[in-house]
């Protein structure tokens, strides 16, 4: 009897261990988004480009408009009837291409122009949500690099901003979680796009020293899960050479976007709020 109990208990522990690994309990999730880390990562990338004598950054961006689409067989076979989204928030939204100005601004007045989201490792949108597995708390993190958009600055005022993200690209440490996200919670199979549009202009302060943060609040609207909600998005921004770097995070209630709390047999509980994170690198 004792041996049976020990074997049975061992089997349970093994199953829990497998489930915990699949759900990301023992993985190292990305740190919370921060301007300092993004700036440091950009510096590392620039050093690697110089060391490897890599082709100049952004050569393709100067000629091709950017979108938030992904060219895969799965996306191509998705019918229009399977996609539900606000008319302003579609993956096929096309934004202007960067003009390749390539000049570092030296004052707030020199920020004027259209800044286009640049694809790369430091451009992404993602989520953080707390989960409970067998009484243990941990945070699930998913990120998508499928981000496109542009902002317009006129007379040292941010007058327009529109960002679209491909949520079907969301990737966490668990393939199981990512697959479930297509039919549960965000239901990315039906709502592959999310977006944020600015609704109020933002006066910009004096241009900071390179790498120093400027804190802003963007008043606008999120479209997530096909639902439009007004929201204030706190942001940190800086200039790195000829690029504009913007990062931010904010907490939202799932119910505000008609998102049902996801469930899985091995998960004891999931928070009813989530953190949205974004990191954007832009160039003119």
C-alpha atoms as a PDB file:
ATOM      1  CA  UNK A   1       0.000   0.000   0.000  1.00  0.00           C
ATOM      2  CA  UNK A   2       2.756   2.402   0.938  1.00  0.00           C
ATOM      3  CA  UNK A   3       4.602   1.664  -2.295  1.00  0.00           C
ATOM      4  CA  UNK A   4       1.395   2.261  -4.276  1.00  0.00           C
ATOM      5  CA  UNK A   5       0.865   5.598  -2.570  1.00  0.00           C
ATOM      6  CA  UNK A   6       4.445   6.629  -3.237  1.00  0.00           C
ATOM      7  CA  UNK A   7       4.199   5.651  -6.889  1.00  0.00           C
ATOM      8  CA  UNK A   8       0.862   7.417  -7.227  1.00  0.00           C
ATOM      9  CA  UNK A   9       2.206  10.554  -5.556  1.00  0.00           C
ATOM     10  CA  UNK A  10       5.282  10.472  -7.773  1.00  0.00           C
ATOM     11  CA  UNK A  11       3.129  10.236 -10.890  1.00  0.00           C
ATOM     12  CA  UNK A  12       1.091  13.247  -9.788  1.00  0.00           C
ATOM     13  CA  UNK A  13       4.247  15.261  -9.187  1.00  0.00           C
ATOM     14  CA  UNK A  14       5.579  14.314 -12.604  1.00  0.00           C
ATOM     15  CA  UNK A  15       2.321  15.333 -14.291  1.00  0.00           C
ATOM     16  CA  UNK A  16       2.285  18.630 -12.402  1.00  0.00           C
ATOM     17  CA  UNK A  17       5.895  19.194 -13.362  1.00  0.00           C
ATOM     18  CA  UNK A  18       5.145  18.612 -17.051  1.00  0.00           C
ATOM     19  CA  UNK A  19       2.114  20.899 -16.897  1.00  0.00           C
ATOM     20  CA  UNK A  20       4.084  23.587 -15.079  1.00  0.00           C
ATOM     21  CA  UNK A  21       6.843  23.444 -17.680  1.00  0.00           C
ATOM     22  CA  UNK A  22       4.352  23.668 -20.555  1.00  0.00           C
ATOM     23  CA  UNK A  23       2.591  26.594 -18.917  1.00  0.00           C
ATOM     24  CA  UNK A  24       5.814  28.458 -18.292  1.00  0.00           C
ATOM     25  CA  UNK A  25       6.155  28.049 -14.530  1.00  0.00           C
ATOM     26  CA  UNK A  26       9.841  27.153 -14.680  1.00  0.00           C
ATOM     27  CA  UNK A  27      10.825  29.452 -17.529  1.00  0.00           C
ATOM     28  CA  UNK A  28      12.508  32.829 -17.421  1.00  0.00           C
ATOM     29  CA  UNK A  29       9.968  35.359 -18.656  1.00  0.00           C
ATOM     30  CA  UNK A  30      11.052  38.672 -20.218  1.00  0.00           C
ATOM     31  CA  UNK A  31      11.505  41.485 -17.746  1.00  0.00           C
ATOM     32  CA  UNK A  32       8.921  44.256 -17.611  1.00  0.00           C
ATOM     33  CA  UNK A  33       9.326  46.711 -20.430  1.00  0.00           C
ATOM     34  CA  UNK A  34      11.496  49.720 -19.588  1.00  0.00           C
ATOM     35  CA  UNK A  35      13.030  52.548 -21.539  1.00  0.00           C
ATOM     36  CA  UNK A  36      16.447  51.972 -19.964  1.00  0.00           C
ATOM     37  CA  UNK A  37      16.516  48.327 -21.074  1.00  0.00           C
ATOM     38  CA  UNK A  38      15.314  49.181 -24.582  1.00  0.00           C
ATOM     39  CA  UNK A  39      17.982  51.867 -24.953  1.00  0.00           C
ATOM     40  CA  UNK A  40      20.634  49.434 -23.707  1.00  0.00           C
ATOM     41  CA  UNK A  41      19.434  46.759 -26.141  1.00  0.00           C
ATOM     42  CA  UNK A  42      19.603  49.215 -29.045  1.00  0.00           C
ATOM     43  CA  UNK A  43      23.162  50.099 -28.051  1.00  0.00           C
ATOM     44  CA  UNK A  44      24.095  46.408 -28.047  1.00  0.00           C
ATOM     45  CA  UNK A  45      22.523  45.924 -31.466  1.00  0.00           C
ATOM     46  CA  UNK A  46      24.391  48.912 -32.881  1.00  0.00           C
ATOM     47  CA  UNK A  47      27.661  47.532 -31.536  1.00  0.00           C
ATOM     48  CA  UNK A  48      26.967  44.164 -33.146  1.00  0.00           C
ATOM     49  CA  UNK A  49      26.184  45.838 -36.476  1.00  0.00           C
ATOM     50  CA  UNK A  50      29.462  47.702 -36.390  1.00  0.00           C
ATOM     51  CA  UNK A  51      31.445  44.630 -35.367  1.00  0.00           C
ATOM     52  CA  UNK A  52      29.871  42.522 -38.081  1.00  0.00           C
ATOM     53  CA  UNK A  53      30.023  45.180 -40.781  1.00  0.00           C
ATOM     54  CA  UNK A  54      26.299  44.613 -41.340  1.00  0.00           C
ATOM     55  CA  UNK A  55      24.353  46.516 -43.999  1.00  0.00           C
ATOM     56  CA  UNK A  56      23.011  49.890 -42.925  1.00  0.00           C
ATOM     57  CA  UNK A  57      19.928  49.735 -40.693  1.00  0.00           C
ATOM     58  CA  UNK A  58      16.537  50.486 -42.230  1.00  0.00           C
ATOM     59  CA  UNK A  59      17.486  50.265 -45.907  1.00  0.00           C
ATOM     60  CA  UNK A  60      14.288  48.410 -46.772  1.00  0.00           C
ATOM     61  CA  UNK A  61      12.076  50.701 -44.671  1.00  0.00           C
ATOM     62  CA  UNK A  62      12.821  53.678 -46.910  1.00  0.00           C
ATOM     63  CA  UNK A  63      11.105  52.098 -49.888  1.00  0.00           C
ATOM     64  CA  UNK A  64       8.335  49.850 -48.586  1.00  0.00           C
ATOM     65  CA  UNK A  65       5.240  50.929 -46.614  1.00  0.00           C
ATOM     66  CA  UNK A  66       4.801  48.969 -43.397  1.00  0.00           C
ATOM     67  CA  UNK A  67       1.820  46.880 -42.296  1.00  0.00           C
ATOM     68  CA  UNK A  68       1.059  44.631 -39.346  1.00  0.00           C
ATOM     69  CA  UNK A  69       0.392  41.591 -41.511  1.00  0.00           C
ATOM     70  CA  UNK A  70       2.198  38.281 -41.460  1.00  0.00           C
ATOM     71  CA  UNK A  71       2.817  36.273 -44.609  1.00  0.00           C
ATOM     72  CA  UNK A  72       2.104  32.704 -43.533  1.00  0.00           C
ATOM     73  CA  UNK A  73      -0.131  29.979 -44.877  1.00  0.00           C
ATOM     74  CA  UNK A  74      -2.286  30.149 -41.734  1.00  0.00           C
ATOM     75  CA  UNK A  75      -3.013  33.852 -42.192  1.00  0.00           C
ATOM     76  CA  UNK A  76      -3.574  33.513 -45.928  1.00  0.00           C
ATOM     77  CA  UNK A  77      -6.215  30.808 -45.464  1.00  0.00           C
ATOM     78  CA  UNK A  78      -8.175  32.771 -42.868  1.00  0.00           C
ATOM     79  CA  UNK A  79     -11.449  33.909 -44.438  1.00  0.00           C
ATOM     80  CA  UNK A  80     -12.865  37.387 -43.985  1.00  0.00           C
ATOM     81  CA  UNK A  81     -15.869  35.970 -42.123  1.00  0.00           C
ATOM     82  CA  UNK A  82     -13.532  34.657 -39.409  1.00  0.00           C
ATOM     83  CA  UNK A  83     -12.125  38.101 -38.722  1.00  0.00           C
ATOM     84  CA  UNK A  84     -14.067  40.576 -36.612  1.00  0.00           C
ATOM     85  CA  UNK A  85     -12.534  43.959 -35.859  1.00  0.00           C
ATOM     86  CA  UNK A  86     -13.260  47.646 -35.721  1.00  0.00           C
ATOM     87  CA  UNK A  87     -13.018  49.144 -39.220  1.00  0.00           C
ATOM     88  CA  UNK A  88     -10.058  51.263 -38.054  1.00  0.00           C
ATOM     89  CA  UNK A  89      -8.201  48.255 -36.755  1.00  0.00           C
ATOM     90  CA  UNK A  90      -7.250  45.834 -39.522  1.00  0.00           C
ATOM     91  CA  UNK A  91      -3.964  44.129 -40.274  1.00  0.00           C
ATOM     92  CA  UNK A  92      -3.972  45.407 -43.840  1.00  0.00           C
ATOM     93  CA  UNK A  93      -3.705  49.016 -42.654  1.00  0.00           C
ATOM     94  CA  UNK A  94      -0.826  50.580 -44.590  1.00  0.00           C
ATOM     95  CA  UNK A  95       1.339  53.308 -43.121  1.00  0.00           C
ATOM     96  CA  UNK A  96       3.802  55.608 -44.893  1.00  0.00           C
ATOM     97  CA  UNK A  97       7.354  54.439 -45.375  1.00  0.00           C
ATOM     98  CA  UNK A  98      10.200  56.164 -43.561  1.00  0.00           C
ATOM     99  CA  UNK A  99      11.706  58.929 -45.686  1.00  0.00           C
ATOM    100  CA  UNK A 100      15.225  58.221 -44.535  1.00  0.00           C
ATOM    101  CA  UNK A 101      15.887  61.677 -43.094  1.00  0.00           C
ATOM    102  CA  UNK A 102      18.603  60.139 -40.934  1.00  0.00           C
ATOM    103  CA  UNK A 103      19.301  63.291 -38.944  1.00  0.00           C
ATOM    104  CA  UNK A 104      19.300  63.423 -35.170  1.00  0.00           C
ATOM    105  CA  UNK A 105      17.055  66.235 -33.885  1.00  0.00           C
ATOM    106  CA  UNK A 106      18.738  68.790 -31.654  1.00  0.00           C
ATOM    107  CA  UNK A 107      15.595  70.551 -30.408  1.00  0.00           C
ATOM    108  CA  UNK A 108      11.896  69.853 -29.952  1.00  0.00           C
ATOM    109  CA  UNK A 109      11.184  71.886 -33.095  1.00  0.00           C
ATOM    110  CA  UNK A 110      13.288  69.469 -35.132  1.00  0.00           C
ATOM    111  CA  UNK A 111      11.065  66.563 -34.125  1.00  0.00           C
ATOM    112  CA  UNK A 112       8.430  67.671 -36.650  1.00  0.00           C
ATOM    113  CA  UNK A 113       7.498  65.146 -39.295  1.00  0.00           C
ATOM    114  CA  UNK A 114       6.081  61.646 -39.646  1.00  0.00           C
ATOM    115  CA  UNK A 115       7.795  58.949 -37.603  1.00  0.00           C
ATOM    116  CA  UNK A 116       7.232  55.372 -38.770  1.00  0.00           C
ATOM    117  CA  UNK A 117       7.416  52.236 -36.616  1.00  0.00           C
ATOM    118  CA  UNK A 118      10.589  50.319 -37.398  1.00  0.00           C
ATOM    119  CA  UNK A 119      10.497  46.535 -37.302  1.00  0.00           C
ATOM    120  CA  UNK A 120      13.102  44.818 -35.149  1.00  0.00           C
ATOM    121  CA  UNK A 121      13.713  43.098 -31.848  1.00  0.00           C
ATOM    122  CA  UNK A 122      12.955  46.239 -29.828  1.00  0.00           C
ATOM    123  CA  UNK A 123       9.562  46.846 -31.432  1.00  0.00           C
ATOM    124  CA  UNK A 124       6.773  44.739 -29.945  1.00  0.00           C
ATOM    125  CA  UNK A 125       3.450  44.733 -28.152  1.00  0.00           C
ATOM    126  CA  UNK A 126       2.567  42.197 -25.511  1.00  0.00           C
ATOM    127  CA  UNK A 127       0.701  41.179 -22.396  1.00  0.00           C
ATOM    128  CA  UNK A 128       1.399  40.129 -18.808  1.00  0.00           C
ATOM    129  CA  UNK A 129      -1.191  38.235 -16.813  1.00  0.00           C
ATOM    130  CA  UNK A 130      -0.964  36.502 -13.454  1.00  0.00           C
ATOM    131  CA  UNK A 131      -1.818  32.809 -13.257  1.00  0.00           C
ATOM    132  CA  UNK A 132      -2.004  30.302 -10.428  1.00  0.00           C
ATOM    133  CA  UNK A 133      -0.921  26.693 -10.852  1.00  0.00           C
ATOM    134  CA  UNK A 134      -1.241  24.334  -7.894  1.00  0.00           C
ATOM    135  CA  UNK A 135      -1.117  27.257  -5.477  1.00  0.00           C
ATOM    136  CA  UNK A 136       1.979  28.809  -7.073  1.00  0.00           C
ATOM    137  CA  UNK A 137       1.763  32.335  -8.496  1.00  0.00           C
ATOM    138  CA  UNK A 138       3.557  33.222 -11.714  1.00  0.00           C
ATOM    139  CA  UNK A 139       3.202  35.664 -14.590  1.00  0.00           C
ATOM    140  CA  UNK A 140       2.567  34.654 -18.182  1.00  0.00           C
ATOM    141  CA  UNK A 141       4.156  36.926 -20.780  1.00  0.00           C
ATOM    142  CA  UNK A 142       3.396  36.999 -24.502  1.00  0.00           C
ATOM    143  CA  UNK A 143       4.789  39.325 -27.151  1.00  0.00           C
ATOM    144  CA  UNK A 144       4.232  40.046 -30.831  1.00  0.00           C
ATOM    145  CA  UNK A 145       6.692  41.768 -33.151  1.00  0.00           C
ATOM    146  CA  UNK A 146       3.982  42.248 -35.768  1.00  0.00           C
ATOM    147  CA  UNK A 147       3.556  45.965 -35.126  1.00  0.00           C
ATOM    148  CA  UNK A 148       3.087  48.789 -37.629  1.00  0.00           C
ATOM    149  CA  UNK A 149       2.116  52.415 -37.335  1.00  0.00           C
ATOM    150  CA  UNK A 150       3.140  56.030 -37.480  1.00  0.00           C
ATOM    151  CA  UNK A 151       2.970  59.224 -35.453  1.00  0.00           C
ATOM    152  CA  UNK A 152       2.924  62.817 -36.632  1.00  0.00           C
ATOM    153  CA  UNK A 153       4.589  65.713 -34.847  1.00  0.00           C
ATOM    154  CA  UNK A 154       3.816  69.313 -35.810  1.00  0.00           C
ATOM    155  CA  UNK A 155       5.099  72.436 -34.064  1.00  0.00           C
ATOM    156  CA  UNK A 156       6.551  70.308 -31.261  1.00  0.00           C
ATOM    157  CA  UNK A 157       3.149  68.690 -30.642  1.00  0.00           C
ATOM    158  CA  UNK A 158       2.271  65.063 -31.203  1.00  0.00           C
ATOM    159  CA  UNK A 159      -0.891  65.516 -33.235  1.00  0.00           C
ATOM    160  CA  UNK A 160      -1.610  62.017 -34.530  1.00  0.00           C
ATOM    161  CA  UNK A 161      -0.689  58.446 -33.676  1.00  0.00           C
ATOM    162  CA  UNK A 162      -1.996  55.142 -34.956  1.00  0.00           C
ATOM    163  CA  UNK A 163      -0.531  51.749 -34.020  1.00  0.00           C
ATOM    164  CA  UNK A 164      -1.763  48.330 -35.207  1.00  0.00           C
ATOM    165  CA  UNK A 165      -0.551  45.010 -33.789  1.00  0.00           C
ATOM    166  CA  UNK A 166      -0.931  41.478 -35.116  1.00  0.00           C
ATOM    167  CA  UNK A 167      -2.025  39.485 -32.070  1.00  0.00           C
ATOM    168  CA  UNK A 168      -1.865  36.202 -33.963  1.00  0.00           C
ATOM    169  CA  UNK A 169       1.933  36.578 -33.628  1.00  0.00           C
ATOM    170  CA  UNK A 170       1.754  36.565 -29.819  1.00  0.00           C
ATOM    171  CA  UNK A 171       4.331  34.140 -28.486  1.00  0.00           C
ATOM    172  CA  UNK A 172       4.930  33.128 -24.885  1.00  0.00           C
ATOM    173  CA  UNK A 173       7.069  30.402 -23.361  1.00  0.00           C
ATOM    174  CA  UNK A 174       4.229  27.889 -23.853  1.00  0.00           C
ATOM    175  CA  UNK A 175       2.970  26.641 -27.197  1.00  0.00           C
ATOM    176  CA  UNK A 176      -0.112  25.309 -25.420  1.00  0.00           C
ATOM    177  CA  UNK A 177      -0.959  28.757 -24.052  1.00  0.00           C
ATOM    178  CA  UNK A 178      -0.392  30.361 -27.454  1.00  0.00           C
ATOM    179  CA  UNK A 179      -2.666  27.855 -29.177  1.00  0.00           C
ATOM    180  CA  UNK A 180      -5.379  28.366 -26.554  1.00  0.00           C
ATOM    181  CA  UNK A 181      -5.187  32.123 -27.114  1.00  0.00           C
ATOM    182  CA  UNK A 182      -6.578  31.582 -30.621  1.00  0.00           C
ATOM    183  CA  UNK A 183      -9.892  30.323 -29.251  1.00  0.00           C
ATOM    184  CA  UNK A 184      -9.948  31.634 -25.663  1.00  0.00           C
ATOM    185  CA  UNK A 185      -9.435  35.051 -24.061  1.00  0.00           C
ATOM    186  CA  UNK A 186      -8.162  37.261 -26.919  1.00  0.00           C
ATOM    187  CA  UNK A 187      -9.567  34.807 -29.505  1.00  0.00           C
ATOM    188  CA  UNK A 188      -6.926  35.852 -32.000  1.00  0.00           C
ATOM    189  CA  UNK A 189      -8.450  33.547 -34.611  1.00  0.00           C
ATOM    190  CA  UNK A 190     -11.441  35.924 -34.728  1.00  0.00           C
ATOM    191  CA  UNK A 191      -9.777  39.154 -33.606  1.00  0.00           C
ATOM    192  CA  UNK A 192      -6.207  39.102 -34.950  1.00  0.00           C
ATOM    193  CA  UNK A 193      -5.710  42.868 -34.768  1.00  0.00           C
ATOM    194  CA  UNK A 194      -5.481  45.330 -31.895  1.00  0.00           C
ATOM    195  CA  UNK A 195      -4.800  49.023 -32.225  1.00  0.00           C
ATOM    196  CA  UNK A 196      -4.370  52.314 -30.414  1.00  0.00           C
ATOM    197  CA  UNK A 197      -5.324  55.699 -31.856  1.00  0.00           C
ATOM    198  CA  UNK A 198      -4.491  59.043 -30.277  1.00  0.00           C
ATOM    199  CA  UNK A 199      -7.535  61.269 -29.672  1.00  0.00           C
ATOM    200  CA  UNK A 200      -5.901  64.295 -28.020  1.00  0.00           C
ATOM    201  CA  UNK A 201      -2.714  66.140 -29.052  1.00  0.00           C
ATOM    202  CA  UNK A 202       0.313  65.955 -26.750  1.00  0.00           C
ATOM    203  CA  UNK A 203       2.540  69.043 -26.379  1.00  0.00           C
ATOM    204  CA  UNK A 204       6.147  67.885 -26.240  1.00  0.00           C
ATOM    205  CA  UNK A 205       8.608  69.254 -23.682  1.00  0.00           C
ATOM    206  CA  UNK A 206      12.131  70.414 -24.369  1.00  0.00           C
ATOM    207  CA  UNK A 207      14.182  67.756 -26.111  1.00  0.00           C
ATOM    208  CA  UNK A 208      16.056  65.744 -23.460  1.00  0.00           C
ATOM    209  CA  UNK A 209      19.640  64.609 -23.675  1.00  0.00           C
ATOM    210  CA  UNK A 210      20.016  61.435 -25.713  1.00  0.00           C
ATOM    211  CA  UNK A 211      18.803  58.445 -23.712  1.00  0.00           C
ATOM    212  CA  UNK A 212      17.095  60.540 -21.026  1.00  0.00           C
ATOM    213  CA  UNK A 213      13.411  59.848 -20.509  1.00  0.00           C
ATOM    214  CA  UNK A 214      10.484  62.167 -21.126  1.00  0.00           C
ATOM    215  CA  UNK A 215       7.221  61.060 -19.519  1.00  0.00           C
ATOM    216  CA  UNK A 216       4.030  61.558 -21.514  1.00  0.00           C
ATOM    217  CA  UNK A 217       0.397  60.506 -21.277  1.00  0.00           C
ATOM    218  CA  UNK A 218      -1.327  59.498 -24.505  1.00  0.00           C
ATOM    219  CA  UNK A 219      -5.097  59.906 -24.411  1.00  0.00           C
ATOM    220  CA  UNK A 220      -6.687  57.694 -27.013  1.00  0.00           C
ATOM    221  CA  UNK A 221      -8.678  54.574 -27.777  1.00  0.00           C
ATOM    222  CA  UNK A 222      -7.740  50.914 -27.677  1.00  0.00           C
ATOM    223  CA  UNK A 223      -9.458  48.439 -29.961  1.00  0.00           C
ATOM    224  CA  UNK A 224      -8.965  44.976 -28.492  1.00  0.00           C
ATOM    225  CA  UNK A 225     -11.107  41.880 -29.071  1.00  0.00           C
ATOM    226  CA  UNK A 226     -13.234  44.019 -31.401  1.00  0.00           C
ATOM    227  CA  UNK A 227     -14.173  46.392 -28.554  1.00  0.00           C
ATOM    228  CA  UNK A 228     -13.355  50.125 -28.481  1.00  0.00           C
ATOM    229  CA  UNK A 229     -12.433  51.630 -25.114  1.00  0.00           C
ATOM    230  CA  UNK A 230     -11.005  55.084 -24.268  1.00  0.00           C
ATOM    231  CA  UNK A 231      -7.786  54.821 -22.307  1.00  0.00           C
ATOM    232  CA  UNK A 232      -4.901  56.903 -20.997  1.00  0.00           C
ATOM    233  CA  UNK A 233      -1.571  55.305 -21.815  1.00  0.00           C
ATOM    234  CA  UNK A 234       1.514  56.408 -19.820  1.00  0.00           C
ATOM    235  CA  UNK A 235       4.662  56.509 -21.947  1.00  0.00           C
ATOM    236  CA  UNK A 236       8.389  57.125 -21.638  1.00  0.00           C
ATOM    237  CA  UNK A 237      10.176  58.454 -24.708  1.00  0.00           C
ATOM    238  CA  UNK A 238      13.674  59.416 -25.754  1.00  0.00           C
ATOM    239  CA  UNK A 239      15.827  60.102 -28.793  1.00  0.00           C
ATOM    240  CA  UNK A 240      18.653  57.752 -29.768  1.00  0.00           C
ATOM    241  CA  UNK A 241      20.513  59.255 -32.696  1.00  0.00           C
ATOM    242  CA  UNK A 242      17.987  59.625 -35.504  1.00  0.00           C
ATOM    243  CA  UNK A 243      15.428  57.306 -33.879  1.00  0.00           C
ATOM    244  CA  UNK A 244      12.561  57.940 -31.500  1.00  0.00           C
ATOM    245  CA  UNK A 245      12.045  55.290 -28.823  1.00  0.00           C
ATOM    246  CA  UNK A 246       8.747  54.978 -26.945  1.00  0.00           C
ATOM    247  CA  UNK A 247       7.834  52.411 -24.278  1.00  0.00           C
ATOM    248  CA  UNK A 248       4.825  52.096 -22.028  1.00  0.00           C
ATOM    249  CA  UNK A 249       2.592  49.780 -20.054  1.00  0.00           C
ATOM    250  CA  UNK A 250      -0.898  49.961 -18.660  1.00  0.00           C
ATOM    251  CA  UNK A 251      -3.351  47.703 -16.839  1.00  0.00           C
ATOM    252  CA  UNK A 252      -6.740  46.875 -18.334  1.00  0.00           C
ATOM    253  CA  UNK A 253      -9.713  44.888 -17.074  1.00  0.00           C
ATOM    254  CA  UNK A 254     -10.508  41.929 -19.307  1.00  0.00           C
ATOM    255  CA  UNK A 255     -14.238  42.536 -18.883  1.00  0.00           C
ATOM    256  CA  UNK A 256     -13.910  46.022 -20.415  1.00  0.00           C
ATOM    257  CA  UNK A 257     -13.055  44.332 -23.711  1.00  0.00           C
ATOM    258  CA  UNK A 258     -15.539  41.459 -23.360  1.00  0.00           C
ATOM    259  CA  UNK A 259     -12.659  39.044 -22.782  1.00  0.00           C
ATOM    260  CA  UNK A 260     -13.506  35.945 -20.776  1.00  0.00           C
ATOM    261  CA  UNK A 261     -10.900  34.739 -18.316  1.00  0.00           C
ATOM    262  CA  UNK A 262      -9.026  31.856 -19.978  1.00  0.00           C
ATOM    263  CA  UNK A 263      -9.146  28.410 -18.416  1.00  0.00           C
ATOM    264  CA  UNK A 264      -7.174  25.164 -18.575  1.00  0.00           C
ATOM    265  CA  UNK A 265      -7.317  21.945 -16.521  1.00  0.00           C
ATOM    266  CA  UNK A 266      -3.952  22.546 -14.831  1.00  0.00           C
ATOM    267  CA  UNK A 267      -4.559  26.246 -14.103  1.00  0.00           C
ATOM    268  CA  UNK A 268      -6.184  27.048 -10.759  1.00  0.00           C
ATOM    269  CA  UNK A 269      -6.851  30.698 -11.543  1.00  0.00           C
ATOM    270  CA  UNK A 270      -6.156  33.614 -13.869  1.00  0.00           C
ATOM    271  CA  UNK A 271      -6.301  37.318 -13.035  1.00  0.00           C
ATOM    272  CA  UNK A 272      -9.206  39.348 -14.398  1.00  0.00           C
ATOM    273  CA  UNK A 273      -6.793  42.149 -15.305  1.00  0.00           C
ATOM    274  CA  UNK A 274      -3.810  42.175 -17.645  1.00  0.00           C
ATOM    275  CA  UNK A 275      -0.924  44.504 -18.379  1.00  0.00           C
ATOM    276  CA  UNK A 276      -0.412  45.710 -21.931  1.00  0.00           C
ATOM    277  CA  UNK A 277       3.216  46.455 -22.794  1.00  0.00           C
ATOM    278  CA  UNK A 278       4.582  48.180 -25.848  1.00  0.00           C
ATOM    279  CA  UNK A 279       8.004  49.111 -27.129  1.00  0.00           C
ATOM    280  CA  UNK A 280       8.311  51.137 -30.315  1.00  0.00           C
ATOM    281  CA  UNK A 281      11.334  52.272 -32.271  1.00  0.00           C
ATOM    282  CA  UNK A 282      10.487  54.852 -34.930  1.00  0.00           C
ATOM    283  CA  UNK A 283      12.346  56.711 -37.651  1.00  0.00           C
ATOM    284  CA  UNK A 284      11.488  59.418 -40.165  1.00  0.00           C
END
